[in-house]
Amino acid sequence: MKRLISLVFGIAFSFVGLLHFKNESNFTRIVPAYLPFKKTAVIVTGIIECVFGILLMVKQPTTCLKNAISAFLCAVFPANIYMARKQLPLGDKTLSPWILYLRLPMQFLLIAVIRKL
């Protein structure tokens, strides 16, 4: 079961990482206004997500990888808060404010699942 979850997360991280390049402007929009170098941040986080995705797909994650993914998810959490506060669309889809705020605790659930792999 852990291997299946690791594969699903690997595919998801890879897919979202690739979206950073395909739809860069959508991701740039949710980078908080107080951060500089928005495009660079989007590209770097896209690369990191792709690397995490590949690592999750090829092998069972080590403690080091789990820690790195958890730290990464905490680091990008401000973008989720910013998106919810500003009620920014997800790509071309406008989401209900309650969905945007529901995404916030889901980030911690994702971290908890990663830690259990």
N, C-alpha and C. Protein backbone atom coordinates (compact mmCIF):
# COMPACT_ATOMS: atom_id res chain seq x y z
N MET A 1 0.82 -1.20 0.00
CA MET A 1 0.00 0.00 0.00
C MET A 1 0.87 1.27 0.00
N LYS A 2 1.94 1.24 0.81
CA LYS A 2 2.82 2.41 0.85
C LYS A 2 3.44 2.67 -0.52
N ARG A 3 3.77 1.60 -1.22
CA ARG A 3 4.37 1.75 -2.54
C ARG A 3 3.39 2.38 -3.52
N LEU A 4 2.12 1.98 -3.44
CA LEU A 4 1.08 2.55 -4.30
C LEU A 4 0.90 4.04 -4.01
N ILE A 5 0.85 4.39 -2.73
CA ILE A 5 0.70 5.80 -2.35
C ILE A 5 1.91 6.60 -2.83
N SER A 6 3.09 6.02 -2.69
CA SER A 6 4.31 6.69 -3.15
C SER A 6 4.26 6.93 -4.66
N LEU A 7 3.78 5.93 -5.41
CA LEU A 7 3.65 6.09 -6.87
C LEU A 7 2.62 7.16 -7.23
N VAL A 8 1.49 7.16 -6.55
CA VAL A 8 0.45 8.17 -6.82
C VAL A 8 0.99 9.57 -6.52
N PHE A 9 1.66 9.71 -5.38
CA PHE A 9 2.23 11.02 -5.04
C PHE A 9 3.33 11.40 -6.03
N GLY A 10 4.11 10.43 -6.46
CA GLY A 10 5.16 10.70 -7.44
C GLY A 10 4.59 11.22 -8.74
N ILE A 11 3.53 10.59 -9.20
CA ILE A 11 2.87 11.04 -10.43
C ILE A 11 2.30 12.44 -10.23
N ALA A 12 1.65 12.66 -9.08
CA ALA A 12 1.04 13.96 -8.81
C ALA A 12 2.10 15.07 -8.74
N PHE A 13 3.19 14.83 -8.02
CA PHE A 13 4.25 15.84 -7.92
C PHE A 13 4.83 16.12 -9.31
N SER A 14 5.07 15.07 -10.09
CA SER A 14 5.63 15.26 -11.43
C SER A 14 4.69 16.07 -12.31
N PHE A 15 3.42 15.73 -12.27
CA PHE A 15 2.42 16.42 -13.09
C PHE A 15 2.34 17.90 -12.72
N VAL A 16 2.23 18.17 -11.42
CA VAL A 16 2.14 19.57 -10.98
C VAL A 16 3.45 20.30 -11.29
N GLY A 17 4.57 19.63 -11.12
CA GLY A 17 5.85 20.25 -11.46
C GLY A 17 5.93 20.65 -12.92
N LEU A 18 5.46 19.78 -13.80
CA LEU A 18 5.44 20.11 -15.23
C LEU A 18 4.48 21.25 -15.54
N LEU A 19 3.39 21.33 -14.80
CA LEU A 19 2.44 22.43 -15.00
C LEU A 19 3.08 23.79 -14.69
N HIS A 20 4.10 23.80 -13.80
CA HIS A 20 4.81 25.04 -13.51
C HIS A 20 5.42 25.64 -14.78
N PHE A 21 5.78 24.78 -15.72
CA PHE A 21 6.40 25.24 -16.96
C PHE A 21 5.36 25.49 -18.04
N LYS A 22 4.35 24.65 -18.09
CA LYS A 22 3.32 24.78 -19.11
C LYS A 22 2.43 26.00 -18.84
N ASN A 23 2.08 26.21 -17.58
CA ASN A 23 1.18 27.31 -17.18
C ASN A 23 1.87 28.22 -16.16
N GLU A 24 3.06 28.65 -16.50
CA GLU A 24 3.87 29.43 -15.55
C GLU A 24 3.13 30.66 -15.01
N SER A 25 2.35 31.33 -15.84
CA SER A 25 1.67 32.55 -15.39
C SER A 25 0.63 32.25 -14.30
N ASN A 26 -0.01 31.08 -14.35
CA ASN A 26 -0.97 30.71 -13.31
C ASN A 26 -0.29 30.57 -11.96
N PHE A 27 0.91 30.01 -11.96
CA PHE A 27 1.64 29.82 -10.71
C PHE A 27 2.27 31.13 -10.24
N THR A 28 2.74 31.95 -11.18
CA THR A 28 3.33 33.24 -10.81
C THR A 28 2.30 34.10 -10.09
N ARG A 29 1.06 34.01 -10.50
CA ARG A 29 -0.02 34.80 -9.91
C ARG A 29 -0.23 34.50 -8.42
N ILE A 30 0.05 33.26 -7.99
CA ILE A 30 -0.20 32.92 -6.58
C ILE A 30 1.02 33.09 -5.68
N VAL A 31 2.15 33.51 -6.26
CA VAL A 31 3.32 33.83 -5.43
C VAL A 31 3.00 35.13 -4.69
N PRO A 32 3.11 35.14 -3.36
CA PRO A 32 2.78 36.35 -2.61
C PRO A 32 3.50 37.59 -3.13
N ALA A 33 2.80 38.71 -3.11
CA ALA A 33 3.29 39.97 -3.67
C ALA A 33 4.60 40.43 -3.04
N TYR A 34 4.83 40.06 -1.79
CA TYR A 34 6.03 40.54 -1.10
C TYR A 34 7.30 39.78 -1.50
N LEU A 35 7.16 38.71 -2.29
CA LEU A 35 8.34 37.94 -2.70
C LEU A 35 8.87 38.44 -4.05
N PRO A 36 10.18 38.60 -4.15
CA PRO A 36 10.77 38.99 -5.44
C PRO A 36 11.00 37.76 -6.32
N PHE A 37 11.35 37.99 -7.56
CA PHE A 37 11.74 36.92 -8.50
C PHE A 37 10.67 35.83 -8.62
N LYS A 38 9.45 36.26 -8.87
CA LYS A 38 8.32 35.32 -8.92
C LYS A 38 8.51 34.23 -9.97
N LYS A 39 8.91 34.61 -11.17
CA LYS A 39 9.07 33.62 -12.23
C LYS A 39 10.15 32.61 -11.85
N THR A 40 11.24 33.08 -11.28
CA THR A 40 12.31 32.19 -10.84
C THR A 40 11.80 31.23 -9.77
N ALA A 41 11.02 31.76 -8.84
CA ALA A 41 10.45 30.91 -7.78
C ALA A 41 9.58 29.81 -8.37
N VAL A 42 8.78 30.16 -9.37
CA VAL A 42 7.91 29.17 -10.01
C VAL A 42 8.74 28.11 -10.73
N ILE A 43 9.77 28.52 -11.43
CA ILE A 43 10.61 27.57 -12.16
C ILE A 43 11.34 26.64 -11.18
N VAL A 44 11.92 27.21 -10.14
CA VAL A 44 12.66 26.41 -9.15
C VAL A 44 11.73 25.43 -8.45
N THR A 45 10.55 25.89 -8.04
CA THR A 45 9.62 24.97 -7.36
C THR A 45 9.12 23.89 -8.33
N GLY A 46 8.98 24.24 -9.59
CA GLY A 46 8.59 23.23 -10.59
C GLY A 46 9.65 22.16 -10.73
N ILE A 47 10.90 22.56 -10.78
CA ILE A 47 12.00 21.60 -10.87
C ILE A 47 12.02 20.71 -9.63
N ILE A 48 11.89 21.32 -8.46
CA ILE A 48 11.90 20.56 -7.21
C ILE A 48 10.76 19.54 -7.20
N GLU A 49 9.57 19.95 -7.61
CA GLU A 49 8.44 19.03 -7.62
C GLU A 49 8.68 17.88 -8.59
N CYS A 50 9.26 18.16 -9.74
CA CYS A 50 9.56 17.09 -10.70
C CYS A 50 10.58 16.10 -10.11
N VAL A 51 11.61 16.62 -9.46
CA VAL A 51 12.62 15.76 -8.84
C VAL A 51 11.97 14.90 -7.75
N PHE A 52 11.16 15.51 -6.89
CA PHE A 52 10.47 14.74 -5.86
C PHE A 52 9.59 13.67 -6.48
N GLY A 53 8.88 14.04 -7.54
CA GLY A 53 8.01 13.08 -8.20
C GLY A 53 8.77 11.89 -8.74
N ILE A 54 9.88 12.15 -9.40
CA ILE A 54 10.69 11.06 -9.95
C ILE A 54 11.22 10.18 -8.83
N LEU A 55 11.74 10.79 -7.79
CA LEU A 55 12.27 10.01 -6.67
C LEU A 55 11.19 9.15 -6.01
N LEU A 56 9.99 9.69 -5.86
CA LEU A 56 8.90 8.92 -5.27
C LEU A 56 8.49 7.75 -6.16
N MET A 57 8.62 7.92 -7.47
CA MET A 57 8.22 6.85 -8.39
C MET A 57 9.26 5.73 -8.49
N VAL A 58 10.54 6.07 -8.35
CA VAL A 58 11.58 5.05 -8.56
C VAL A 58 11.94 4.26 -7.31
N LYS A 59 11.71 4.81 -6.14
CA LYS A 59 12.06 4.06 -4.94
C LYS A 59 11.23 4.51 -3.75
N GLN A 60 11.22 3.67 -2.74
CA GLN A 60 10.53 4.02 -1.50
C GLN A 60 11.29 5.19 -0.87
N PRO A 61 10.56 6.24 -0.42
CA PRO A 61 11.26 7.43 0.09
C PRO A 61 12.03 7.17 1.38
N THR A 62 13.19 7.76 1.43
CA THR A 62 14.02 7.71 2.65
C THR A 62 13.54 8.79 3.61
N THR A 63 14.04 8.74 4.82
CA THR A 63 13.70 9.77 5.81
C THR A 63 14.14 11.14 5.31
N CYS A 64 15.28 11.20 4.66
CA CYS A 64 15.79 12.46 4.13
C CYS A 64 14.82 13.03 3.08
N LEU A 65 14.33 12.19 2.18
CA LEU A 65 13.39 12.65 1.16
C LEU A 65 12.08 13.09 1.80
N LYS A 66 11.60 12.34 2.77
CA LYS A 66 10.35 12.73 3.46
C LYS A 66 10.51 14.08 4.13
N ASN A 67 11.67 14.30 4.76
CA ASN A 67 11.93 15.59 5.41
C ASN A 67 12.00 16.71 4.39
N ALA A 68 12.63 16.45 3.25
CA ALA A 68 12.76 17.47 2.21
C ALA A 68 11.38 17.82 1.64
N ILE A 69 10.56 16.82 1.38
CA ILE A 69 9.22 17.08 0.84
C ILE A 69 8.38 17.85 1.86
N SER A 70 8.46 17.46 3.13
CA SER A 70 7.71 18.16 4.18
C SER A 70 8.15 19.62 4.28
N ALA A 71 9.45 19.86 4.24
CA ALA A 71 9.96 21.23 4.30
C ALA A 71 9.51 22.02 3.08
N PHE A 72 9.53 21.40 1.92
CA PHE A 72 9.10 22.06 0.69
C PHE A 72 7.62 22.44 0.79
N LEU A 73 6.79 21.52 1.26
CA LEU A 73 5.36 21.81 1.38
C LEU A 73 5.10 22.94 2.37
N CYS A 74 5.91 23.02 3.42
CA CYS A 74 5.80 24.15 4.35
C CYS A 74 6.26 25.45 3.68
N ALA A 75 7.29 25.36 2.87
CA ALA A 75 7.83 26.55 2.20
C ALA A 75 6.86 27.15 1.20
N VAL A 76 6.08 26.30 0.53
CA VAL A 76 5.13 26.83 -0.47
C VAL A 76 3.76 27.13 0.14
N PHE A 77 3.59 26.84 1.41
CA PHE A 77 2.32 27.09 2.09
C PHE A 77 1.87 28.55 2.01
N PRO A 78 2.78 29.54 2.12
CA PRO A 78 2.35 30.93 1.98
C PRO A 78 1.64 31.23 0.67
N ALA A 79 2.00 30.53 -0.41
CA ALA A 79 1.31 30.74 -1.69
C ALA A 79 -0.15 30.28 -1.58
N ASN A 80 -0.38 29.19 -0.85
CA ASN A 80 -1.76 28.72 -0.66
C ASN A 80 -2.57 29.70 0.18
N ILE A 81 -1.93 30.24 1.21
CA ILE A 81 -2.60 31.25 2.05
C ILE A 81 -2.92 32.48 1.21
N TYR A 82 -1.94 32.94 0.45
CA TYR A 82 -2.12 34.13 -0.41
C TYR A 82 -3.26 33.89 -1.40
N MET A 83 -3.28 32.72 -2.00
CA MET A 83 -4.33 32.39 -2.96
C MET A 83 -5.71 32.42 -2.31
N ALA A 84 -5.81 31.88 -1.09
CA ALA A 84 -7.10 31.88 -0.39
C ALA A 84 -7.51 33.30 0.02
N ARG A 85 -6.57 34.05 0.59
CA ARG A 85 -6.89 35.41 1.04
C ARG A 85 -7.32 36.31 -0.11
N LYS A 86 -6.63 36.19 -1.24
CA LYS A 86 -6.93 37.03 -2.40
C LYS A 86 -7.99 36.42 -3.31
N GLN A 87 -8.43 35.21 -2.97
CA GLN A 87 -9.42 34.47 -3.75
C GLN A 87 -9.04 34.43 -5.23
N LEU A 88 -7.81 33.99 -5.46
CA LEU A 88 -7.28 33.91 -6.81
C LEU A 88 -7.77 32.63 -7.50
N PRO A 89 -8.00 32.70 -8.79
CA PRO A 89 -8.46 31.51 -9.51
C PRO A 89 -7.34 30.47 -9.62
N LEU A 90 -7.74 29.23 -9.79
CA LEU A 90 -6.79 28.16 -10.04
C LEU A 90 -6.75 27.98 -11.54
N GLY A 91 -5.76 28.59 -12.18
CA GLY A 91 -5.72 28.61 -13.64
C GLY A 91 -6.83 29.51 -14.14
N ASP A 92 -7.72 28.94 -14.94
CA ASP A 92 -8.86 29.71 -15.45
C ASP A 92 -10.15 29.38 -14.71
N LYS A 93 -10.02 28.63 -13.61
CA LYS A 93 -11.20 28.23 -12.83
C LYS A 93 -11.29 29.02 -11.53
N THR A 94 -12.39 29.73 -11.35
CA THR A 94 -12.63 30.43 -10.10
C THR A 94 -13.19 29.42 -9.11
N LEU A 95 -12.56 29.34 -7.95
CA LEU A 95 -12.99 28.40 -6.93
C LEU A 95 -13.71 29.13 -5.81
N SER A 96 -14.62 28.43 -5.19
CA SER A 96 -15.33 28.98 -4.03
C SER A 96 -14.32 29.28 -2.93
N PRO A 97 -14.53 30.36 -2.16
CA PRO A 97 -13.60 30.67 -1.08
C PRO A 97 -13.44 29.51 -0.09
N TRP A 98 -14.50 28.78 0.18
CA TRP A 98 -14.37 27.68 1.15
C TRP A 98 -13.46 26.57 0.62
N ILE A 99 -13.43 26.38 -0.70
CA ILE A 99 -12.52 25.38 -1.28
C ILE A 99 -11.08 25.87 -1.16
N LEU A 100 -10.87 27.16 -1.41
CA LEU A 100 -9.52 27.71 -1.28
C LEU A 100 -9.01 27.58 0.16
N TYR A 101 -9.88 27.81 1.13
CA TYR A 101 -9.47 27.68 2.52
C TYR A 101 -9.36 26.23 2.96
N LEU A 102 -10.14 25.34 2.36
CA LEU A 102 -10.06 23.91 2.67
C LEU A 102 -8.72 23.34 2.22
N ARG A 103 -8.13 23.92 1.19
CA ARG A 103 -6.82 23.47 0.72
C ARG A 103 -5.73 23.66 1.78
N LEU A 104 -5.92 24.62 2.68
CA LEU A 104 -4.87 24.90 3.67
C LEU A 104 -4.61 23.73 4.61
N PRO A 105 -5.63 23.21 5.31
CA PRO A 105 -5.34 22.05 6.17
C PRO A 105 -4.97 20.80 5.38
N MET A 106 -5.39 20.73 4.13
CA MET A 106 -5.05 19.58 3.29
C MET A 106 -3.53 19.49 3.10
N GLN A 107 -2.86 20.63 3.13
CA GLN A 107 -1.40 20.64 2.99
C GLN A 107 -0.76 19.86 4.14
N PHE A 108 -1.30 20.02 5.35
CA PHE A 108 -0.75 19.33 6.51
C PHE A 108 -1.11 17.84 6.48
N LEU A 109 -2.26 17.52 5.93
CA LEU A 109 -2.63 16.12 5.75
C LEU A 109 -1.67 15.46 4.76
N LEU A 110 -1.33 16.18 3.70
CA LEU A 110 -0.37 15.68 2.73
C LEU A 110 0.99 15.43 3.39
N ILE A 111 1.42 16.33 4.22
CA ILE A 111 2.69 16.16 4.95
C ILE A 111 2.61 14.93 5.84
N ALA A 112 1.49 14.74 6.54
CA ALA A 112 1.33 13.59 7.43
C ALA A 112 1.41 12.28 6.66
N VAL A 113 0.78 12.24 5.49
CA VAL A 113 0.80 11.01 4.68
C VAL A 113 2.22 10.75 4.18
N ILE A 114 2.90 11.79 3.71
CA ILE A 114 4.28 11.64 3.26
C ILE A 114 5.16 11.09 4.38
N ARG A 115 4.97 11.59 5.57
CA ARG A 115 5.79 11.15 6.72
C ARG A 115 5.58 9.67 7.04
N LYS A 116 4.40 9.13 6.71
CA LYS A 116 4.07 7.73 6.99
C LYS A 116 4.56 6.76 5.93
N LEU A 117 4.99 7.27 4.78
CA LEU A 117 5.44 6.37 3.71
C LEU A 117 6.70 5.61 4.11
